Amino acid sequence: MSGKDKINIFPSRGAQAQMKARLAGAQKGHSLLKKKAEALQMRFRQILGKIVDTKTLMGDVMKDAAFSLAEAKFASGDFNQNVIQNVTKARIKIRSRMENVAGTNLPTFETIEEGVDNYELTGLSRGGQQMTKLKANYKAAIKLLVDLASLQASFVTLDNVVKITNRRVNAIEHVIIPRYEATLAYIISELDELEREEFYRLKKVQEKKKEAKIRDAAMLKKMLELNPRRDDDDDDDYIGGKNMLDDAHDEDLLF
């Protein structure tokens, strides 16, 4: 096993417990990130479908708006410059908010209307129907453009988040978890080897003790064979169960 496949750690029971906890945390994180990636990808596909539908609809709406502008100009004359010069404040505004999707904030835009229409009486003299139709078509076009901008912003944000999440999932699945598993297997194998060595050492100690006992018994037997007990000397020294040498007071007696 190469050093790149495992973490450099001293094999011990504490390290084994620590590595098990880290492996469990990595597996839990991988599961949560996998679910997050799936949720983001599902929302990504939904937004992509909405963008396609909105862009398809945008062509028809802008075509109707341009055609209604031509009709209004034909009925009321050229009024563009007059309207542009008299506009001082926007009536339709955009409000931004954040939508949380699986821990990711997606920007969402929506249109709001403030005030009243200052040009509601425009077209009373001639072309009033075409002017009303023109306002409705361009109002629908503006709302559709805002929706498309919101979808595009969410699409770009989700694209970046999905890529980052997938990289994290792949890193945990193919790098971190295998490294933790390899390290845990290394620690277990080393601890098993230490247990086998300890068992072998204890076995050898017991064998040495048995050999020492056998050797001591053989040595004692050999000493008894080399120094046998003589009964006649014992009979001379012991009289009536008493050692006569103990009662000797002769100073010239050599022991």
Protein backbone atom coordinates (compact mmCIF):
# COMPACT_ATOMS: atom_id res chain seq x y z
CA MET A 1 0.00 0.00 0.00
CA SER A 2 1.54 3.30 -1.07
CA GLY A 3 1.63 6.39 1.08
CA LYS A 4 -0.72 8.26 -1.25
CA ASP A 5 -3.49 5.70 -0.70
CA LYS A 6 -3.69 6.19 3.05
CA ILE A 7 -3.17 8.81 5.72
CA ASN A 8 0.10 8.78 7.64
CA ILE A 9 -1.08 7.87 11.13
CA PHE A 10 0.22 5.72 13.96
CA PRO A 11 -1.87 2.53 14.25
CA SER A 12 -3.62 2.44 17.61
CA ARG A 13 -7.07 1.89 19.06
CA GLY A 14 -7.63 5.63 19.36
CA ALA A 15 -6.61 6.18 15.75
CA GLN A 16 -8.94 3.37 14.69
CA ALA A 17 -11.90 4.97 16.50
CA GLN A 18 -11.01 8.38 15.06
CA MET A 19 -10.75 7.00 11.53
CA LYS A 20 -14.09 5.19 11.88
CA ALA A 21 -15.73 8.46 12.94
CA ARG A 22 -14.15 10.32 10.02
CA LEU A 23 -15.24 7.61 7.59
CA ALA A 24 -18.81 7.74 8.91
CA GLY A 25 -18.81 11.54 8.58
CA ALA A 26 -17.49 11.34 5.02
CA GLN A 27 -20.16 8.80 4.06
CA LYS A 28 -22.89 10.95 5.63
CA GLY A 29 -21.59 14.06 3.87
CA HIS A 30 -21.44 12.17 0.58
CA SER A 31 -25.06 11.07 1.00
CA LEU A 32 -26.25 14.62 1.77
CA LEU A 33 -24.27 16.16 -1.09
CA LYS A 34 -25.60 13.48 -3.44
CA LYS A 35 -29.17 14.36 -2.50
CA LYS A 36 -28.40 18.06 -2.88
CA ALA A 37 -26.88 17.49 -6.33
CA GLU A 38 -29.92 15.50 -7.42
CA ALA A 39 -32.29 18.23 -6.20
CA LEU A 40 -30.26 20.94 -7.94
CA GLN A 41 -30.10 18.96 -11.17
CA MET A 42 -33.85 18.42 -11.11
CA ARG A 43 -34.43 22.15 -10.62
CA PHE A 44 -31.80 22.85 -13.30
CA ARG A 45 -33.71 20.76 -15.83
CA GLN A 46 -36.98 22.45 -14.91
CA ILE A 47 -35.47 25.90 -15.41
CA LEU A 48 -33.92 24.81 -18.69
CA GLY A 49 -37.32 23.66 -19.94
CA LYS A 50 -38.92 26.95 -18.85
CA ILE A 51 -36.21 28.93 -20.64
CA VAL A 52 -36.85 27.06 -23.88
CA ASP A 53 -40.61 27.61 -23.59
CA THR A 54 -40.17 31.28 -22.65
CA LYS A 55 -37.83 31.97 -25.55
CA THR A 56 -40.25 30.26 -27.93
CA LEU A 57 -43.09 32.38 -26.55
CA MET A 58 -40.94 35.51 -26.63
CA GLY A 59 -40.80 35.43 -30.42
CA ASP A 60 -44.58 35.45 -30.74
CA VAL A 61 -45.05 38.15 -28.07
CA MET A 62 -42.45 40.48 -29.57
CA LYS A 63 -43.92 39.92 -33.02
CA ASP A 64 -47.38 40.90 -31.76
CA ALA A 65 -45.94 43.94 -29.95
CA ALA A 66 -44.08 45.15 -33.04
CA PHE A 67 -47.16 44.63 -35.22
CA SER A 68 -49.38 46.53 -32.75
CA LEU A 69 -46.84 49.39 -32.72
CA ALA A 70 -47.07 49.60 -36.49
CA GLU A 71 -50.86 49.63 -36.28
CA ALA A 72 -50.81 52.39 -33.65
CA LYS A 73 -48.45 54.49 -35.73
CA PHE A 74 -50.65 54.02 -38.77
CA ALA A 75 -53.73 55.12 -36.82
CA SER A 76 -52.27 57.89 -34.61
CA GLY A 77 -49.12 58.96 -36.38
CA ASP A 78 -45.57 58.92 -35.00
CA PHE A 79 -45.86 59.42 -31.24
CA ASN A 80 -42.61 57.80 -30.09
CA GLN A 81 -40.62 60.97 -29.49
CA ASN A 82 -43.53 62.68 -27.75
CA VAL A 83 -43.93 59.78 -25.28
CA ILE A 84 -40.18 59.36 -24.67
CA GLN A 85 -39.66 63.07 -23.94
CA ASN A 86 -42.55 63.23 -21.48
CA VAL A 87 -41.59 60.14 -19.45
CA THR A 88 -39.99 61.18 -16.11
CA LYS A 89 -40.60 58.17 -13.89
CA ALA A 90 -40.86 54.45 -14.56
CA ARG A 91 -44.23 52.94 -13.81
CA ILE A 92 -43.20 49.27 -14.06
CA LYS A 93 -40.28 48.39 -11.80
CA ILE A 94 -38.38 45.22 -11.03
CA ARG A 95 -38.04 43.72 -7.56
CA SER A 96 -35.41 41.13 -6.73
CA ARG A 97 -35.68 38.36 -4.13
CA MET A 98 -33.84 35.16 -3.28
CA GLU A 99 -35.31 31.69 -3.51
CA ASN A 100 -33.68 28.93 -1.48
CA VAL A 101 -33.30 25.62 -3.32
CA ALA A 102 -31.38 22.91 -1.42
CA GLY A 103 -29.29 25.51 0.40
CA THR A 104 -28.64 27.58 -2.75
CA ASN A 105 -30.01 31.09 -3.12
CA LEU A 106 -31.36 31.68 -6.62
CA PRO A 107 -32.10 35.25 -7.76
CA THR A 108 -35.69 35.80 -8.83
CA PHE A 109 -37.03 38.96 -10.50
CA GLU A 110 -40.64 40.08 -10.62
CA THR A 111 -42.42 43.17 -11.98
CA ILE A 112 -44.41 45.60 -9.88
CA GLU A 113 -46.53 48.54 -11.02
CA GLU A 114 -46.44 51.85 -9.19
CA GLY A 115 -48.65 54.86 -9.79
CA VAL A 116 -51.23 55.36 -12.51
CA ASP A 117 -50.99 55.42 -16.27
CA ASN A 118 -50.24 59.00 -17.32
CA TYR A 119 -51.10 58.18 -20.92
CA GLU A 120 -54.44 56.52 -20.38
CA LEU A 121 -56.17 59.23 -22.39
CA THR A 122 -53.78 58.91 -25.31
CA GLY A 123 -55.58 57.92 -28.48
CA LEU A 124 -58.96 59.38 -27.67
CA SER A 125 -58.84 61.51 -30.78
CA ARG A 126 -57.93 58.60 -33.07
CA GLY A 127 -56.41 55.14 -32.79
CA GLY A 128 -57.52 54.49 -29.21
CA GLN A 129 -58.07 50.78 -29.71
CA GLN A 130 -54.65 50.31 -31.29
CA MET A 131 -53.01 52.25 -28.44
CA THR A 132 -54.65 50.07 -25.80
CA LYS A 133 -53.58 46.96 -27.65
CA LEU A 134 -50.06 48.35 -27.97
CA LYS A 135 -49.83 48.97 -24.20
CA ALA A 136 -51.08 45.47 -23.36
CA ASN A 137 -48.70 43.77 -25.79
CA TYR A 138 -45.62 45.64 -24.62
CA LYS A 139 -46.60 45.14 -20.98
CA ALA A 140 -46.79 41.38 -21.59
CA ALA A 141 -43.44 41.56 -23.41
CA ILE A 142 -41.81 43.35 -20.46
CA LYS A 143 -43.10 40.79 -17.96
CA LEU A 144 -41.91 37.98 -20.20
CA LEU A 145 -38.47 39.59 -20.50
CA VAL A 146 -38.24 39.89 -16.73
CA ASP A 147 -39.24 36.24 -16.31
CA LEU A 148 -36.65 35.23 -18.88
CA ALA A 149 -33.97 37.28 -17.09
CA SER A 150 -34.91 35.63 -13.81
CA LEU A 151 -34.69 32.17 -15.38
CA GLN A 152 -31.36 32.98 -17.02
CA ALA A 153 -29.86 34.26 -13.74
CA SER A 154 -31.09 31.18 -11.87
CA PHE A 155 -29.77 28.97 -14.68
CA VAL A 156 -26.26 30.44 -14.48
CA THR A 157 -26.21 30.26 -10.68
CA LEU A 158 -27.45 26.68 -10.66
CA ASP A 159 -24.94 25.69 -13.33
CA ASN A 160 -22.04 26.85 -11.17
CA VAL A 161 -23.45 25.29 -7.99
CA VAL A 162 -24.17 21.96 -9.70
CA LYS A 163 -20.61 21.78 -11.04
CA ILE A 164 -19.13 22.57 -7.61
CA THR A 165 -21.42 20.06 -5.87
CA ASN A 166 -20.63 17.32 -8.38
CA ARG A 167 -16.90 17.93 -7.93
CA ARG A 168 -17.30 17.63 -4.18
CA VAL A 169 -19.35 14.45 -4.50
CA ASN A 170 -16.78 12.89 -6.83
CA ALA A 171 -13.90 13.95 -4.56
CA ILE A 172 -15.53 12.40 -1.51
CA GLU A 173 -16.56 9.25 -3.37
CA HIS A 174 -13.34 8.57 -5.26
CA VAL A 175 -10.64 10.16 -3.08
CA ILE A 176 -11.60 10.78 0.54
CA ILE A 177 -13.69 7.68 1.31
CA PRO A 178 -11.22 5.22 -0.34
CA ARG A 179 -8.34 6.89 1.53
CA TYR A 180 -10.16 6.59 4.85
CA GLU A 181 -11.06 2.97 4.10
CA ALA A 182 -7.48 2.15 3.16
CA THR A 183 -6.18 3.84 6.31
CA LEU A 184 -8.70 1.98 8.47
CA ALA A 185 -7.76 -1.34 6.84
CA TYR A 186 -4.07 -0.54 7.45
CA ILE A 187 -4.72 0.24 11.13
CA ILE A 188 -6.76 -2.96 11.59
CA SER A 189 -4.08 -5.08 9.92
CA GLU A 190 -1.34 -3.52 12.07
CA LEU A 191 -3.34 -4.03 15.26
CA ASP A 192 -4.00 -7.65 14.31
CA GLU A 193 -0.31 -8.12 13.67
CA LEU A 194 0.50 -6.62 17.08
CA GLU A 195 -2.00 -8.96 18.71
CA ARG A 196 -0.43 -11.95 16.97
CA GLU A 197 3.02 -10.82 18.08
CA GLU A 198 1.81 -10.37 21.65
CA PHE A 199 0.17 -13.83 21.62
CA TYR A 200 3.35 -15.38 20.24
CA ARG A 201 5.44 -13.57 22.87
CA LEU A 202 3.21 -14.81 25.71
CA LYS A 203 3.34 -18.33 24.29
CA LYS A 204 7.13 -18.24 24.14
CA VAL A 205 7.28 -16.92 27.72
CA GLN A 206 5.14 -19.82 28.90
CA GLU A 207 7.35 -22.26 27.02
CA LYS A 208 10.44 -20.72 28.60
CA LYS A 209 8.89 -21.06 32.05
CA LYS A 210 8.07 -24.71 31.41
CA GLU A 211 11.60 -25.34 30.15
CA ALA A 212 13.01 -23.61 33.24
CA LYS A 213 10.88 -25.80 35.51
CA ILE A 214 12.00 -28.93 33.68
CA ARG A 215 15.62 -27.80 33.81
CA ASP A 216 15.41 -27.06 37.54
CA ALA A 217 13.85 -30.45 38.21
CA ALA A 218 16.56 -32.20 36.19
CA MET A 219 19.27 -30.23 37.97
CA LEU A 220 17.79 -31.14 41.35
CA LYS A 221 17.63 -34.80 40.38
CA LYS A 222 21.23 -34.72 39.21
CA MET A 223 22.36 -33.12 42.45
CA LEU A 224 20.59 -35.81 44.42
CA GLU A 225 22.26 -38.49 42.32
CA LEU A 226 25.71 -36.96 42.86
CA ASN A 227 25.18 -36.48 46.60
CA PRO A 228 23.27 -39.56 47.89
CA ARG A 229 22.27 -39.75 51.59
CA ARG A 230 24.20 -42.31 53.61
CA ASP A 231 22.19 -44.09 56.29
CA ASP A 232 25.21 -45.43 58.26
CA ASP A 233 26.61 -41.98 58.88
CA ASP A 234 23.20 -40.86 59.97
CA ASP A 235 23.00 -43.73 62.41
CA ASP A 236 26.38 -42.79 63.91
CA ASP A 237 25.51 -39.16 64.25
CA TYR A 238 21.95 -39.68 65.52
CA ILE A 239 21.46 -41.68 68.71
CA GLY A 240 18.04 -41.87 70.13
CA GLY A 241 16.80 -39.21 67.75
CA LYS A 242 19.44 -36.74 68.89
CA ASN A 243 22.48 -35.56 67.04
CA MET A 244 25.50 -36.37 69.17
CA LEU A 245 27.62 -33.78 67.39
CA ASP A 246 25.42 -31.03 68.81
CA ASP A 247 26.41 -32.06 72.35
CA ALA A 248 30.13 -32.18 71.61
CA HIS A 249 32.11 -29.57 73.49
CA ASP A 250 35.52 -30.64 72.33
CA GLU A 251 37.41 -27.54 71.26
CA ASP A 252 39.74 -29.62 69.04
CA LEU A 253 36.81 -31.01 67.04
CA LEU A 254 37.01 -29.91 63.44
CA PHE A 255 33.94 -29.50 61.42
